[in-house]
């Protein structure tokens, strides 16, 4: 991806976010804040993921 494409993409993302009503932005923020990571990651960190990747290869 060239620099111009990336800049265009980021500009579109920012503009679409700004165009949302304030209530919708707050709802999105809350949803992202309270979404829980996977059980194994939450309790054990990156170790389960690293072991899974190690054993699959």
N, C-alpha and C. Protein backbone atom coordinates (compact mmCIF):
# COMPACT_ATOMS: atom_id res chain seq x y z
N UNK A 1 0.85 -1.16 0.00
CA UNK A 1 0.00 0.00 0.00
C UNK A 1 0.90 1.24 0.00
N UNK A 2 0.66 2.09 -0.92
CA UNK A 2 1.49 3.30 -1.00
C UNK A 2 1.05 4.31 0.06
N UNK A 3 1.85 5.30 0.25
CA UNK A 3 1.57 6.32 1.26
C UNK A 3 0.27 7.06 1.00
N UNK A 4 0.01 7.34 -0.27
CA UNK A 4 -1.23 8.07 -0.60
C UNK A 4 -2.46 7.22 -0.31
N UNK A 5 -2.39 5.92 -0.62
CA UNK A 5 -3.52 5.04 -0.35
C UNK A 5 -3.80 4.97 1.15
N UNK A 6 -2.73 4.86 1.93
CA UNK A 6 -2.89 4.78 3.37
C UNK A 6 -3.48 6.08 3.93
N UNK A 7 -2.99 7.20 3.44
CA UNK A 7 -3.50 8.49 3.88
C UNK A 7 -4.99 8.63 3.53
N UNK A 8 -5.35 8.19 2.33
CA UNK A 8 -6.74 8.25 1.91
C UNK A 8 -7.61 7.37 2.81
N UNK A 9 -7.15 6.17 3.12
CA UNK A 9 -7.89 5.25 3.98
C UNK A 9 -8.09 5.85 5.37
N UNK A 10 -7.01 6.38 5.94
CA UNK A 10 -7.10 6.95 7.29
C UNK A 10 -8.02 8.17 7.30
N UNK A 11 -7.98 8.98 6.27
CA UNK A 11 -8.86 10.14 6.18
C UNK A 11 -10.32 9.71 6.13
N UNK A 12 -10.61 8.67 5.34
CA UNK A 12 -11.98 8.17 5.26
C UNK A 12 -12.45 7.65 6.61
N UNK A 13 -11.58 6.96 7.34
CA UNK A 13 -11.94 6.43 8.65
C UNK A 13 -12.24 7.56 9.63
N UNK A 14 -11.40 8.57 9.64
CA UNK A 14 -11.60 9.70 10.56
C UNK A 14 -12.89 10.44 10.22
N UNK A 15 -13.12 10.68 8.95
CA UNK A 15 -14.33 11.40 8.54
C UNK A 15 -15.58 10.60 8.89
N UNK A 16 -15.56 9.30 8.66
CA UNK A 16 -16.74 8.49 8.99
C UNK A 16 -16.98 8.47 10.50
N UNK A 17 -15.91 8.47 11.29
CA UNK A 17 -16.07 8.51 12.74
C UNK A 17 -16.63 9.86 13.19
N UNK A 18 -16.15 10.94 12.61
CA UNK A 18 -16.61 12.27 12.99
C UNK A 18 -18.07 12.48 12.59
N UNK A 19 -18.50 11.86 11.49
CA UNK A 19 -19.88 12.01 11.02
C UNK A 19 -20.89 11.30 11.90
N UNK A 20 -20.44 10.36 12.75
CA UNK A 20 -21.37 9.66 13.62
C UNK A 20 -21.91 10.60 14.69
N UNK A 21 -23.15 10.37 15.12
CA UNK A 21 -23.67 11.17 16.22
C UNK A 21 -22.89 10.89 17.51
N UNK A 22 -22.90 11.82 18.41
CA UNK A 22 -22.13 11.69 19.66
C UNK A 22 -22.57 10.46 20.46
N UNK A 23 -23.86 10.18 20.48
CA UNK A 23 -24.35 9.02 21.23
C UNK A 23 -23.80 7.71 20.67
N UNK A 24 -23.75 7.62 19.36
CA UNK A 24 -23.24 6.41 18.72
C UNK A 24 -21.76 6.22 19.03
N UNK A 25 -21.01 7.31 19.05
CA UNK A 25 -19.58 7.23 19.39
C UNK A 25 -19.39 6.75 20.82
N UNK A 26 -20.22 7.25 21.74
CA UNK A 26 -20.14 6.83 23.14
C UNK A 26 -20.48 5.35 23.28
N UNK A 27 -21.50 4.90 22.54
CA UNK A 27 -21.87 3.48 22.59
C UNK A 27 -20.72 2.61 22.08
N UNK A 28 -20.10 3.01 21.00
CA UNK A 28 -18.96 2.26 20.45
C UNK A 28 -17.82 2.18 21.45
N UNK A 29 -17.54 3.31 22.08
CA UNK A 29 -16.45 3.37 23.05
C UNK A 29 -16.71 2.42 24.22
N UNK A 30 -17.96 2.44 24.71
CA UNK A 30 -18.33 1.55 25.81
C UNK A 30 -18.21 0.08 25.40
N UNK A 31 -18.68 -0.21 24.21
CA UNK A 31 -18.65 -1.59 23.72
C UNK A 31 -17.21 -2.09 23.63
N UNK A 32 -16.31 -1.28 23.12
CA UNK A 32 -14.90 -1.66 23.01
C UNK A 32 -14.26 -1.79 24.38
N UNK A 33 -14.67 -0.95 25.30
CA UNK A 33 -14.08 -0.96 26.63
C UNK A 33 -14.46 -2.22 27.39
N UNK A 34 -15.69 -2.67 27.23
CA UNK A 34 -16.18 -3.80 28.01
C UNK A 34 -16.08 -5.14 27.29
N UNK A 35 -15.59 -5.16 26.07
CA UNK A 35 -15.44 -6.44 25.39
C UNK A 35 -14.31 -7.20 26.07
N UNK A 36 -14.57 -8.46 26.38
CA UNK A 36 -13.61 -9.26 27.13
C UNK A 36 -12.73 -10.06 26.18
N UNK A 37 -11.44 -10.14 26.47
CA UNK A 37 -10.57 -11.00 25.66
C UNK A 37 -10.85 -12.48 25.97
N UNK A 38 -10.27 -13.34 25.21
CA UNK A 38 -10.46 -14.77 25.40
C UNK A 38 -10.04 -15.17 26.82
N UNK A 39 -10.68 -16.19 27.34
CA UNK A 39 -10.42 -16.64 28.71
C UNK A 39 -8.95 -16.95 28.95
N UNK A 40 -8.34 -17.70 28.03
CA UNK A 40 -6.94 -18.08 28.23
C UNK A 40 -6.02 -16.87 28.20
N UNK A 41 -6.30 -15.90 27.37
CA UNK A 41 -5.46 -14.71 27.31
C UNK A 41 -5.66 -13.83 28.54
N UNK A 42 -6.88 -13.75 28.99
CA UNK A 42 -7.17 -12.89 30.13
C UNK A 42 -6.48 -13.41 31.40
N UNK A 43 -6.50 -14.72 31.59
CA UNK A 43 -5.94 -15.26 32.82
C UNK A 43 -4.47 -15.64 32.71
N UNK A 44 -4.03 -16.00 31.54
CA UNK A 44 -2.66 -16.51 31.42
C UNK A 44 -1.76 -15.69 30.52
N UNK A 45 -2.26 -14.65 29.95
CA UNK A 45 -1.43 -13.79 29.12
C UNK A 45 -1.17 -14.37 27.73
N UNK A 46 0.00 -14.16 27.22
CA UNK A 46 0.35 -14.54 25.86
C UNK A 46 0.86 -15.98 25.81
N UNK A 47 1.18 -16.56 26.94
CA UNK A 47 1.76 -17.90 26.98
C UNK A 47 0.92 -18.95 26.24
N UNK A 48 -0.40 -19.06 26.44
CA UNK A 48 -1.17 -20.06 25.70
C UNK A 48 -1.09 -19.87 24.18
N UNK A 49 -1.14 -18.62 23.75
CA UNK A 49 -1.05 -18.34 22.32
C UNK A 49 0.31 -18.77 21.77
N UNK A 50 1.37 -18.45 22.50
CA UNK A 50 2.72 -18.83 22.06
C UNK A 50 2.87 -20.34 21.97
N UNK A 51 2.34 -21.05 22.94
CA UNK A 51 2.41 -22.52 22.91
C UNK A 51 1.61 -23.10 21.75
N UNK A 52 0.44 -22.52 21.50
CA UNK A 52 -0.39 -23.01 20.40
C UNK A 52 0.34 -22.82 19.07
N UNK A 53 0.94 -21.67 18.86
CA UNK A 53 1.67 -21.40 17.63
C UNK A 53 2.88 -22.32 17.53
N UNK A 54 3.58 -22.53 18.63
CA UNK A 54 4.76 -23.39 18.63
C UNK A 54 4.42 -24.82 18.25
N UNK A 55 3.33 -25.35 18.80
CA UNK A 55 2.97 -26.74 18.54
C UNK A 55 2.34 -26.93 17.16
N UNK A 56 1.74 -25.91 16.61
CA UNK A 56 1.15 -26.04 15.27
C UNK A 56 2.22 -26.07 14.17
N UNK A 57 3.37 -25.49 14.42
CA UNK A 57 4.43 -25.46 13.41
C UNK A 57 5.33 -26.58 13.58
